[in-house]
Amino acid sequence: MDGDSMLWSEVRELFPNKFILMEDIKSYVVDGKVHVEEVAVIRPLADGTEATRELRECKDNKFICHTSKPQIVMPIRSKPNLRGFHQ
């Protein structure tokens, strides 16, 4: 894929019933949830096993979603505070 910006509806049409690795291009936040409107497709993934493996590597605005979802809406998760021994 060349990474051009696409609407989620276009991605769903091009890649039915697939996990997709992509980057958030245009989104907004409402009530602590990110609503993604436009994405850049990095590549479709073979199956759930590959999606799980790739998910561990996702950073910045990259994420994975299955095209069975009518919308991309994700809760915002804050990083937990680190506690314990500090030097």
PDB file of N, CA and C in Angstrom:
ATOM      1  N   MET A   1       0.850  -1.185   0.000  1.00  0.00           N
ATOM      2  CA  MET A   1       0.000   0.000   0.000  1.00  0.00           C
ATOM      3  C   MET A   1       0.890   1.240   0.000  1.00  0.00           C
ATOM      4  N   ASP A   2       0.379   2.292  -0.566  1.00  0.00           N
ATOM      5  CA  ASP A   2       1.194   3.491  -0.682  1.00  0.00           C
ATOM      6  C   ASP A   2       0.970   4.483   0.450  1.00  0.00           C
ATOM      7  N   GLY A   3       0.041   4.206   1.355  1.00  0.00           N
ATOM      8  CA  GLY A   3      -0.151   5.057   2.519  1.00  0.00           C
ATOM      9  C   GLY A   3      -0.983   6.298   2.276  1.00  0.00           C
ATOM     10  N   ASP A   4      -1.689   6.377   1.138  1.00  0.00           N
ATOM     11  CA  ASP A   4      -2.561   7.514   0.897  1.00  0.00           C
ATOM     12  C   ASP A   4      -3.695   7.517   1.918  1.00  0.00           C
ATOM     13  N   SER A   5      -4.187   8.697   2.219  1.00  0.00           N
ATOM     14  CA  SER A   5      -5.283   8.846   3.169  1.00  0.00           C
ATOM     15  C   SER A   5      -6.575   8.276   2.592  1.00  0.00           C
ATOM     16  N   MET A   6      -7.269   7.499   3.426  1.00  0.00           N
ATOM     17  CA  MET A   6      -8.539   6.891   3.010  1.00  0.00           C
ATOM     18  C   MET A   6      -9.556   6.999   4.134  1.00  0.00           C
ATOM     19  N   LEU A   7     -10.806   7.049   3.766  1.00  0.00           N
ATOM     20  CA  LEU A   7     -11.875   6.949   4.754  1.00  0.00           C
ATOM     21  C   LEU A   7     -11.986   5.498   5.206  1.00  0.00           C
ATOM     22  N   TRP A   8     -12.446   5.284   6.434  1.00  0.00           N
ATOM     23  CA  TRP A   8     -12.599   3.921   6.953  1.00  0.00           C
ATOM     24  C   TRP A   8     -13.568   3.118   6.096  1.00  0.00           C
ATOM     25  N   SER A   9     -14.614   3.740   5.593  1.00  0.00           N
ATOM     26  CA  SER A   9     -15.569   3.037   4.733  1.00  0.00           C
ATOM     27  C   SER A   9     -14.893   2.503   3.473  1.00  0.00           C
ATOM     28  N   GLU A  10     -13.924   3.240   2.928  1.00  0.00           N
ATOM     29  CA  GLU A  10     -13.181   2.787   1.748  1.00  0.00           C
ATOM     30  C   GLU A  10     -12.286   1.591   2.088  1.00  0.00           C
ATOM     31  N   VAL A  11     -11.641   1.657   3.246  1.00  0.00           N
ATOM     32  CA  VAL A  11     -10.782   0.549   3.688  1.00  0.00           C
ATOM     33  C   VAL A  11     -11.614  -0.711   3.854  1.00  0.00           C
ATOM     34  N   ARG A  12     -12.785  -0.581   4.459  1.00  0.00           N
ATOM     35  CA  ARG A  12     -13.674  -1.738   4.683  1.00  0.00           C
ATOM     36  C   ARG A  12     -14.100  -2.370   3.359  1.00  0.00           C
ATOM     37  N   GLU A  13     -14.327  -1.544   2.362  1.00  0.00           N
ATOM     38  CA  GLU A  13     -14.738  -2.047   1.051  1.00  0.00           C
ATOM     39  C   GLU A  13     -13.583  -2.764   0.339  1.00  0.00           C
ATOM     40  N   LEU A  14     -12.384  -2.202   0.434  1.00  0.00           N
ATOM     41  CA  LEU A  14     -11.218  -2.795  -0.225  1.00  0.00           C
ATOM     42  C   LEU A  14     -10.719  -4.074   0.446  1.00  0.00           C
ATOM     43  N   PHE A  15     -10.870  -4.154   1.785  1.00  0.00           N
ATOM     44  CA  PHE A  15     -10.331  -5.282   2.545  1.00  0.00           C
ATOM     45  C   PHE A  15     -11.409  -5.891   3.442  1.00  0.00           C
ATOM     46  N   PRO A  16     -12.412  -6.531   2.877  1.00  0.00           N
ATOM     47  CA  PRO A  16     -13.472  -7.095   3.717  1.00  0.00           C
ATOM     48  C   PRO A  16     -12.949  -8.210   4.625  1.00  0.00           C
ATOM     49  N   ASN A  17     -13.412  -8.192   5.873  1.00  0.00           N
ATOM     50  CA  ASN A  17     -13.119  -9.232   6.858  1.00  0.00           C
ATOM     51  C   ASN A  17     -11.619  -9.443   7.087  1.00  0.00           C
ATOM     52  N   LYS A  18     -10.873  -8.333   7.237  1.00  0.00           N
ATOM     53  CA  LYS A  18      -9.422  -8.394   7.438  1.00  0.00           C
ATOM     54  C   LYS A  18      -9.004  -7.514   8.618  1.00  0.00           C
ATOM     55  N   PHE A  19      -7.921  -7.909   9.274  1.00  0.00           N
ATOM     56  CA  PHE A  19      -7.230  -7.031  10.205  1.00  0.00           C
ATOM     57  C   PHE A  19      -6.319  -6.140   9.365  1.00  0.00           C
ATOM     58  N   ILE A  20      -6.275  -4.838   9.700  1.00  0.00           N
ATOM     59  CA  ILE A  20      -5.490  -3.884   8.934  1.00  0.00           C
ATOM     60  C   ILE A  20      -4.573  -3.107   9.874  1.00  0.00           C
ATOM     61  N   LEU A  21      -3.303  -3.039   9.520  1.00  0.00           N
ATOM     62  CA  LEU A  21      -2.349  -2.193  10.215  1.00  0.00           C
ATOM     63  C   LEU A  21      -2.383  -0.840   9.517  1.00  0.00           C
ATOM     64  N   MET A  22      -2.610   0.223  10.279  1.00  0.00           N
ATOM     65  CA  MET A  22      -2.768   1.540   9.667  1.00  0.00           C
ATOM     66  C   MET A  22      -2.308   2.647  10.592  1.00  0.00           C
ATOM     67  N   GLU A  23      -2.315   3.849  10.054  1.00  0.00           N
ATOM     68  CA  GLU A  23      -1.931   5.037  10.812  1.00  0.00           C
ATOM     69  C   GLU A  23      -3.096   6.023  10.806  1.00  0.00           C
ATOM     70  N   ASP A  24      -3.336   6.628  11.959  1.00  0.00           N
ATOM     71  CA  ASP A  24      -4.383   7.634  12.121  1.00  0.00           C
ATOM     72  C   ASP A  24      -3.952   8.910  11.403  1.00  0.00           C
ATOM     73  N   ILE A  25      -4.758   9.372  10.463  1.00  0.00           N
ATOM     74  CA  ILE A  25      -4.488  10.606   9.729  1.00  0.00           C
ATOM     75  C   ILE A  25      -5.380  11.740  10.227  1.00  0.00           C
ATOM     76  N   LYS A  26      -6.662  11.417  10.458  1.00  0.00           N
ATOM     77  CA  LYS A  26      -7.597  12.438  10.924  1.00  0.00           C
ATOM     78  C   LYS A  26      -8.541  11.808  11.947  1.00  0.00           C
ATOM     79  N   SER A  27      -8.566  12.395  13.146  1.00  0.00           N
ATOM     80  CA  SER A  27      -9.444  11.878  14.199  1.00  0.00           C
ATOM     81  C   SER A  27      -9.844  13.011  15.131  1.00  0.00           C
ATOM     82  N   TYR A  28     -10.792  12.718  16.002  1.00  0.00           N
ATOM     83  CA  TYR A  28     -11.226  13.689  17.004  1.00  0.00           C
ATOM     84  C   TYR A  28     -11.574  12.923  18.282  1.00  0.00           C
ATOM     85  N   VAL A  29     -11.613  13.644  19.401  1.00  0.00           N
ATOM     86  CA  VAL A  29     -11.882  13.031  20.700  1.00  0.00           C
ATOM     87  C   VAL A  29     -13.217  13.535  21.233  1.00  0.00           C
ATOM     88  N   VAL A  30     -14.052  12.586  21.690  1.00  0.00           N
ATOM     89  CA  VAL A  30     -15.319  12.905  22.347  1.00  0.00           C
ATOM     90  C   VAL A  30     -15.468  11.956  23.527  1.00  0.00           C
ATOM     91  N   ASP A  31     -15.713  12.519  24.703  1.00  0.00           N
ATOM     92  CA  ASP A  31     -15.960  11.727  25.911  1.00  0.00           C
ATOM     93  C   ASP A  31     -14.882  10.668  26.160  1.00  0.00           C
ATOM     94  N   GLY A  32     -13.633  11.044  26.012  1.00  0.00           N
ATOM     95  CA  GLY A  32     -12.537  10.133  26.306  1.00  0.00           C
ATOM     96  C   GLY A  32     -12.322   9.025  25.290  1.00  0.00           C
ATOM     97  N   LYS A  33     -12.890   9.189  24.102  1.00  0.00           N
ATOM     98  CA  LYS A  33     -12.713   8.199  23.041  1.00  0.00           C
ATOM     99  C   LYS A  33     -12.237   8.880  21.768  1.00  0.00           C
ATOM    100  N   VAL A  34     -11.313   8.213  21.072  1.00  0.00           N
ATOM    101  CA  VAL A  34     -10.819   8.706  19.794  1.00  0.00           C
ATOM    102  C   VAL A  34     -11.702   8.138  18.687  1.00  0.00           C
ATOM    103  N   HIS A  35     -12.215   9.002  17.839  1.00  0.00           N
ATOM    104  CA  HIS A  35     -13.022   8.619  16.684  1.00  0.00           C
ATOM    105  C   HIS A  35     -12.162   8.878  15.450  1.00  0.00           C
ATOM    106  N   VAL A  36     -11.763   7.819  14.768  1.00  0.00           N
ATOM    107  CA  VAL A  36     -10.873   7.941  13.617  1.00  0.00           C
ATOM    108  C   VAL A  36     -11.705   8.051  12.343  1.00  0.00           C
ATOM    109  N   GLU A  37     -11.429   9.078  11.551  1.00  0.00           N
ATOM    110  CA  GLU A  37     -12.149   9.297  10.294  1.00  0.00           C
ATOM    111  C   GLU A  37     -11.337   8.888   9.073  1.00  0.00           C
ATOM    112  N   GLU A  38     -10.048   9.267   9.058  1.00  0.00           N
ATOM    113  CA  GLU A  38      -9.188   8.949   7.916  1.00  0.00           C
ATOM    114  C   GLU A  38      -7.945   8.219   8.391  1.00  0.00           C
ATOM    115  N   VAL A  39      -7.522   7.255   7.574  1.00  0.00           N
ATOM    116  CA  VAL A  39      -6.345   6.448   7.906  1.00  0.00           C
ATOM    117  C   VAL A  39      -5.446   6.306   6.678  1.00  0.00           C
ATOM    118  N   ALA A  40      -4.207   5.922   6.935  1.00  0.00           N
ATOM    119  CA  ALA A  40      -3.293   5.508   5.876  1.00  0.00           C
ATOM    120  C   ALA A  40      -3.047   4.021   6.112  1.00  0.00           C
ATOM    121  N   VAL A  41      -3.436   3.191   5.158  1.00  0.00           N
ATOM    122  CA  VAL A  41      -3.245   1.753   5.295  1.00  0.00           C
ATOM    123  C   VAL A  41      -1.767   1.431   5.121  1.00  0.00           C
ATOM    124  N   ILE A  42      -1.213   0.718   6.086  1.00  0.00           N
ATOM    125  CA  ILE A  42       0.161   0.247   5.979  1.00  0.00           C
ATOM    126  C   ILE A  42       0.157  -1.104   5.278  1.00  0.00           C
ATOM    127  N   ARG A  43      -0.686  -2.028   5.800  1.00  0.00           N
ATOM    128  CA  ARG A  43      -0.854  -3.314   5.111  1.00  0.00           C
ATOM    129  C   ARG A  43      -1.932  -4.138   5.794  1.00  0.00           C
ATOM    130  N   PRO A  44      -2.604  -4.992   5.025  1.00  0.00           N
ATOM    131  CA  PRO A  44      -3.533  -5.943   5.629  1.00  0.00           C
ATOM    132  C   PRO A  44      -2.732  -7.059   6.311  1.00  0.00           C
ATOM    133  N   LEU A  45      -3.297  -7.660   7.345  1.00  0.00           N
ATOM    134  CA  LEU A  45      -2.642  -8.726   8.090  1.00  0.00           C
ATOM    135  C   LEU A  45      -3.307 -10.061   7.796  1.00  0.00           C
ATOM    136  N   ALA A  46      -2.536 -11.127   7.870  1.00  0.00           N
ATOM    137  CA  ALA A  46      -3.013 -12.455   7.469  1.00  0.00           C
ATOM    138  C   ALA A  46      -4.122 -12.981   8.366  1.00  0.00           C
ATOM    139  N   ASP A  47      -3.977 -12.778   9.693  1.00  0.00           N
ATOM    140  CA  ASP A  47      -4.951 -13.362  10.622  1.00  0.00           C
ATOM    141  C   ASP A  47      -4.800 -12.727  12.001  1.00  0.00           C
ATOM    142  N   GLY A  48      -5.572 -13.228  12.968  1.00  0.00           N
ATOM    143  CA  GLY A  48      -5.533 -12.702  14.326  1.00  0.00           C
ATOM    144  C   GLY A  48      -4.192 -12.892  15.013  1.00  0.00           C
ATOM    145  N   THR A  49      -3.497 -13.958  14.687  1.00  0.00           N
ATOM    146  CA  THR A  49      -2.179 -14.197  15.284  1.00  0.00           C
ATOM    147  C   THR A  49      -1.196 -13.118  14.850  1.00  0.00           C
ATOM    148  N   GLU A  50      -1.178 -12.816  13.563  1.00  0.00           N
ATOM    149  CA  GLU A  50      -0.301 -11.758  13.079  1.00  0.00           C
ATOM    150  C   GLU A  50      -0.723 -10.406  13.642  1.00  0.00           C
ATOM    151  N   ALA A  51      -2.029 -10.180  13.755  1.00  0.00           N
ATOM    152  CA  ALA A  51      -2.530  -8.917  14.305  1.00  0.00           C
ATOM    153  C   ALA A  51      -2.072  -8.737  15.746  1.00  0.00           C
ATOM    154  N   THR A  52      -2.125  -9.795  16.550  1.00  0.00           N
ATOM    155  CA  THR A  52      -1.677  -9.726  17.939  1.00  0.00           C
ATOM    156  C   THR A  52      -0.190  -9.429  18.015  1.00  0.00           C
ATOM    157  N   ARG A  53       0.592 -10.090  17.185  1.00  0.00           N
ATOM    158  CA  ARG A  53       2.040  -9.867  17.164  1.00  0.00           C
ATOM    159  C   ARG A  53       2.353  -8.420  16.759  1.00  0.00           C
ATOM    160  N   GLU A  54       1.699  -7.921  15.719  1.00  0.00           N
ATOM    161  CA  GLU A  54       1.943  -6.552  15.246  1.00  0.00           C
ATOM    162  C   GLU A  54       1.461  -5.505  16.250  1.00  0.00           C
ATOM    163  N   LEU A  55       0.388  -5.812  16.966  1.00  0.00           N
ATOM    164  CA  LEU A  55      -0.166  -4.867  17.936  1.00  0.00           C
ATOM    165  C   LEU A  55       0.867  -4.512  19.006  1.00  0.00           C
ATOM    166  N   ARG A  56       1.668  -5.482  19.400  1.00  0.00           N
ATOM    167  CA  ARG A  56       2.718  -5.236  20.397  1.00  0.00           C
ATOM    168  C   ARG A  56       3.751  -4.223  19.908  1.00  0.00           C
ATOM    169  N   GLU A  57       3.897  -4.100  18.594  1.00  0.00           N
ATOM    170  CA  GLU A  57       4.896  -3.207  18.010  1.00  0.00           C
ATOM    171  C   GLU A  57       4.342  -1.832  17.640  1.00  0.00           C
ATOM    172  N   CYS A  58       3.040  -1.643  17.731  1.00  0.00           N
ATOM    173  CA  CYS A  58       2.422  -0.378  17.319  1.00  0.00           C
ATOM    174  C   CYS A  58       2.855   0.766  18.232  1.00  0.00           C
ATOM    175  N   LYS A  59       3.247   1.879  17.611  1.00  0.00           N
ATOM    176  CA  LYS A  59       3.658   3.080  18.332  1.00  0.00           C
ATOM    177  C   LYS A  59       3.084   4.292  17.631  1.00  0.00           C
ATOM    178  N   ASP A  60       3.140   5.399  18.332  1.00  0.00           N
ATOM    179  CA  ASP A  60       2.681   6.680  17.801  1.00  0.00           C
ATOM    180  C   ASP A  60       1.222   6.572  17.369  1.00  0.00           C
ATOM    181  N   ASN A  61       0.916   6.886  16.131  1.00  0.00           N
ATOM    182  CA  ASN A  61      -0.470   6.872  15.640  1.00  0.00           C
ATOM    183  C   ASN A  61      -0.819   5.593  14.905  1.00  0.00           C
ATOM    184  N   LYS A  62      -0.009   4.565  15.019  1.00  0.00           N
ATOM    185  CA  LYS A  62      -0.274   3.297  14.334  1.00  0.00           C
ATOM    186  C   LYS A  62      -1.144   2.404  15.207  1.00  0.00           C
ATOM    187  N   PHE A  63      -2.060   1.684  14.564  1.00  0.00           N
ATOM    188  CA  PHE A  63      -2.951   0.785  15.285  1.00  0.00           C
ATOM    189  C   PHE A  63      -3.489  -0.262  14.331  1.00  0.00           C
ATOM    190  N   ILE A  64      -4.227  -1.217  14.888  1.00  0.00           N
ATOM    191  CA  ILE A  64      -4.818  -2.302  14.100  1.00  0.00           C
ATOM    192  C   ILE A  64      -6.310  -2.334  14.382  1.00  0.00           C
ATOM    193  N   CYS A  65      -7.087  -2.552  13.334  1.00  0.00           N
ATOM    194  CA  CYS A  65      -8.532  -2.684  13.488  1.00  0.00           C
ATOM    195  C   CYS A  65      -9.037  -3.703  12.468  1.00  0.00           C
ATOM    196  N   HIS A  66     -10.120  -4.379  12.800  1.00  0.00           N
ATOM    197  CA  HIS A  66     -10.733  -5.342  11.888  1.00  0.00           C
ATOM    198  C   HIS A  66     -11.816  -4.637  11.090  1.00  0.00           C
ATOM    199  N   THR A  67     -11.892  -4.940   9.812  1.00  0.00           N
ATOM    200  CA  THR A  67     -12.844  -4.239   8.937  1.00  0.00           C
ATOM    201  C   THR A  67     -14.302  -4.627   9.169  1.00  0.00           C
ATOM    202  N   SER A  68     -14.558  -5.541  10.089  1.00  0.00           N
ATOM    203  CA  SER A  68     -15.951  -5.844  10.441  1.00  0.00           C
ATOM    204  C   SER A  68     -16.558  -4.714  11.282  1.00  0.00           C
ATOM    205  N   LYS A  69     -15.722  -3.853  11.828  1.00  0.00           N
ATOM    206  CA  LYS A  69     -16.188  -2.731  12.661  1.00  0.00           C
ATOM    207  C   LYS A  69     -16.707  -1.601  11.772  1.00  0.00           C
ATOM    208  N   PRO A  70     -17.933  -1.125  12.012  1.00  0.00           N
ATOM    209  CA  PRO A  70     -18.478  -0.053  11.174  1.00  0.00           C
ATOM    210  C   PRO A  70     -17.780   1.294  11.376  1.00  0.00           C
ATOM    211  N   GLN A  71     -17.187   1.496  12.578  1.00  0.00           N
ATOM    212  CA  GLN A  71     -16.479   2.734  12.886  1.00  0.00           C
ATOM    213  C   GLN A  71     -15.234   2.384  13.693  1.00  0.00           C
ATOM    214  N   ILE A  72     -14.277   3.286  13.685  1.00  0.00           N
ATOM    215  CA  ILE A  72     -13.105   3.113  14.547  1.00  0.00           C
ATOM    216  C   ILE A  72     -13.261   4.081  15.713  1.00  0.00           C
ATOM    217  N   VAL A  73     -13.571   3.521  16.873  1.00  0.00           N
ATOM    218  CA  VAL A  73     -13.717   4.297  18.099  1.00  0.00           C
ATOM    219  C   VAL A  73     -12.918   3.564  19.176  1.00  0.00           C
ATOM    220  N   MET A  74     -11.920   4.267  19.743  1.00  0.00           N
ATOM    221  CA  MET A  74     -11.044   3.645  20.728  1.00  0.00           C
ATOM    222  C   MET A  74     -10.991   4.473  22.001  1.00  0.00           C
ATOM    223  N   PRO A  75     -11.068   3.822  23.164  1.00  0.00           N
ATOM    224  CA  PRO A  75     -10.918   4.576  24.417  1.00  0.00           C
ATOM    225  C   PRO A  75      -9.494   5.085  24.558  1.00  0.00           C
ATOM    226  N   ILE A  76      -9.357   6.252  25.154  1.00  0.00           N
ATOM    227  CA  ILE A  76      -8.031   6.792  25.436  1.00  0.00           C
ATOM    228  C   ILE A  76      -7.561   6.148  26.727  1.00  0.00           C
ATOM    229  N   ARG A  77      -6.397   5.524  26.665  1.00  0.00           N
ATOM    230  CA  ARG A  77      -5.833   4.869  27.845  1.00  0.00           C
ATOM    231  C   ARG A  77      -4.614   5.659  28.308  1.00  0.00           C
ATOM    232  N   SER A  78      -4.624   5.994  29.575  1.00  0.00           N
ATOM    233  CA  SER A  78      -3.464   6.692  30.115  1.00  0.00           C
ATOM    234  C   SER A  78      -2.443   5.665  30.592  1.00  0.00           C
ATOM    235  N   LYS A  79      -1.196   6.056  30.546  1.00  0.00           N
ATOM    236  CA  LYS A  79      -0.140   5.161  31.015  1.00  0.00           C
ATOM    237  C   LYS A  79      -0.188   5.128  32.543  1.00  0.00           C
ATOM    238  N   PRO A  80      -0.049   3.945  33.122  1.00  0.00           N
ATOM    239  CA  PRO A  80      -0.081   3.873  34.590  1.00  0.00           C
ATOM    240  C   PRO A  80       1.144   4.548  35.201  1.00  0.00           C
ATOM    241  N   ASN A  81       0.966   5.091  36.395  1.00  0.00           N
ATOM    242  CA  ASN A  81       2.101   5.664  37.117  1.00  0.00           C
ATOM    243  C   ASN A  81       3.027   4.552  37.549  1.00  0.00           C
ATOM    244  N   LEU A  82       4.305   4.784  37.432  1.00  0.00           N
ATOM    245  CA  LEU A  82       5.276   3.812  37.890  1.00  0.00           C
ATOM    246  C   LEU A  82       5.527   4.027  39.372  1.00  0.00           C
ATOM    247  N   ARG A  83       5.490   2.946  40.120  1.00  0.00           N
ATOM    248  CA  ARG A  83       5.737   3.022  41.545  1.00  0.00           C
ATOM    249  C   ARG A  83       6.821   2.051  41.910  1.00  0.00           C
ATOM    250  N   GLY A  84       7.427   2.294  43.044  1.00  0.00           N
ATOM    251  CA  GLY A  84       8.455   1.360  43.496  1.00  0.00           C
ATOM    252  C   GLY A  84       9.744   2.081  43.790  1.00  0.00           C
ATOM    253  N   PHE A  85      10.811   1.352  43.714  1.00  0.00           N
ATOM    254  CA  PHE A  85      12.117   1.866  44.065  1.00  0.00           C
ATOM    255  C   PHE A  85      12.621   2.851  43.015  1.00  0.00           C
ATOM    256  N   HIS A  86      13.018   4.036  43.451  1.00  0.00           N
ATOM    257  CA  HIS A  86      13.546   5.064  42.554  1.00  0.00           C
ATOM    258  C   HIS A  86      14.950   5.420  43.010  1.00  0.00           C
ATOM    259  N   GLN A  87      15.881   5.541  42.079  1.00  0.00           N
ATOM    260  CA  GLN A  87      17.244   5.957  42.438  1.00  0.00           C
ATOM    261  C   GLN A  87      17.495   7.368  41.992  1.00  0.00           C
TER     262      GLN A  87
END
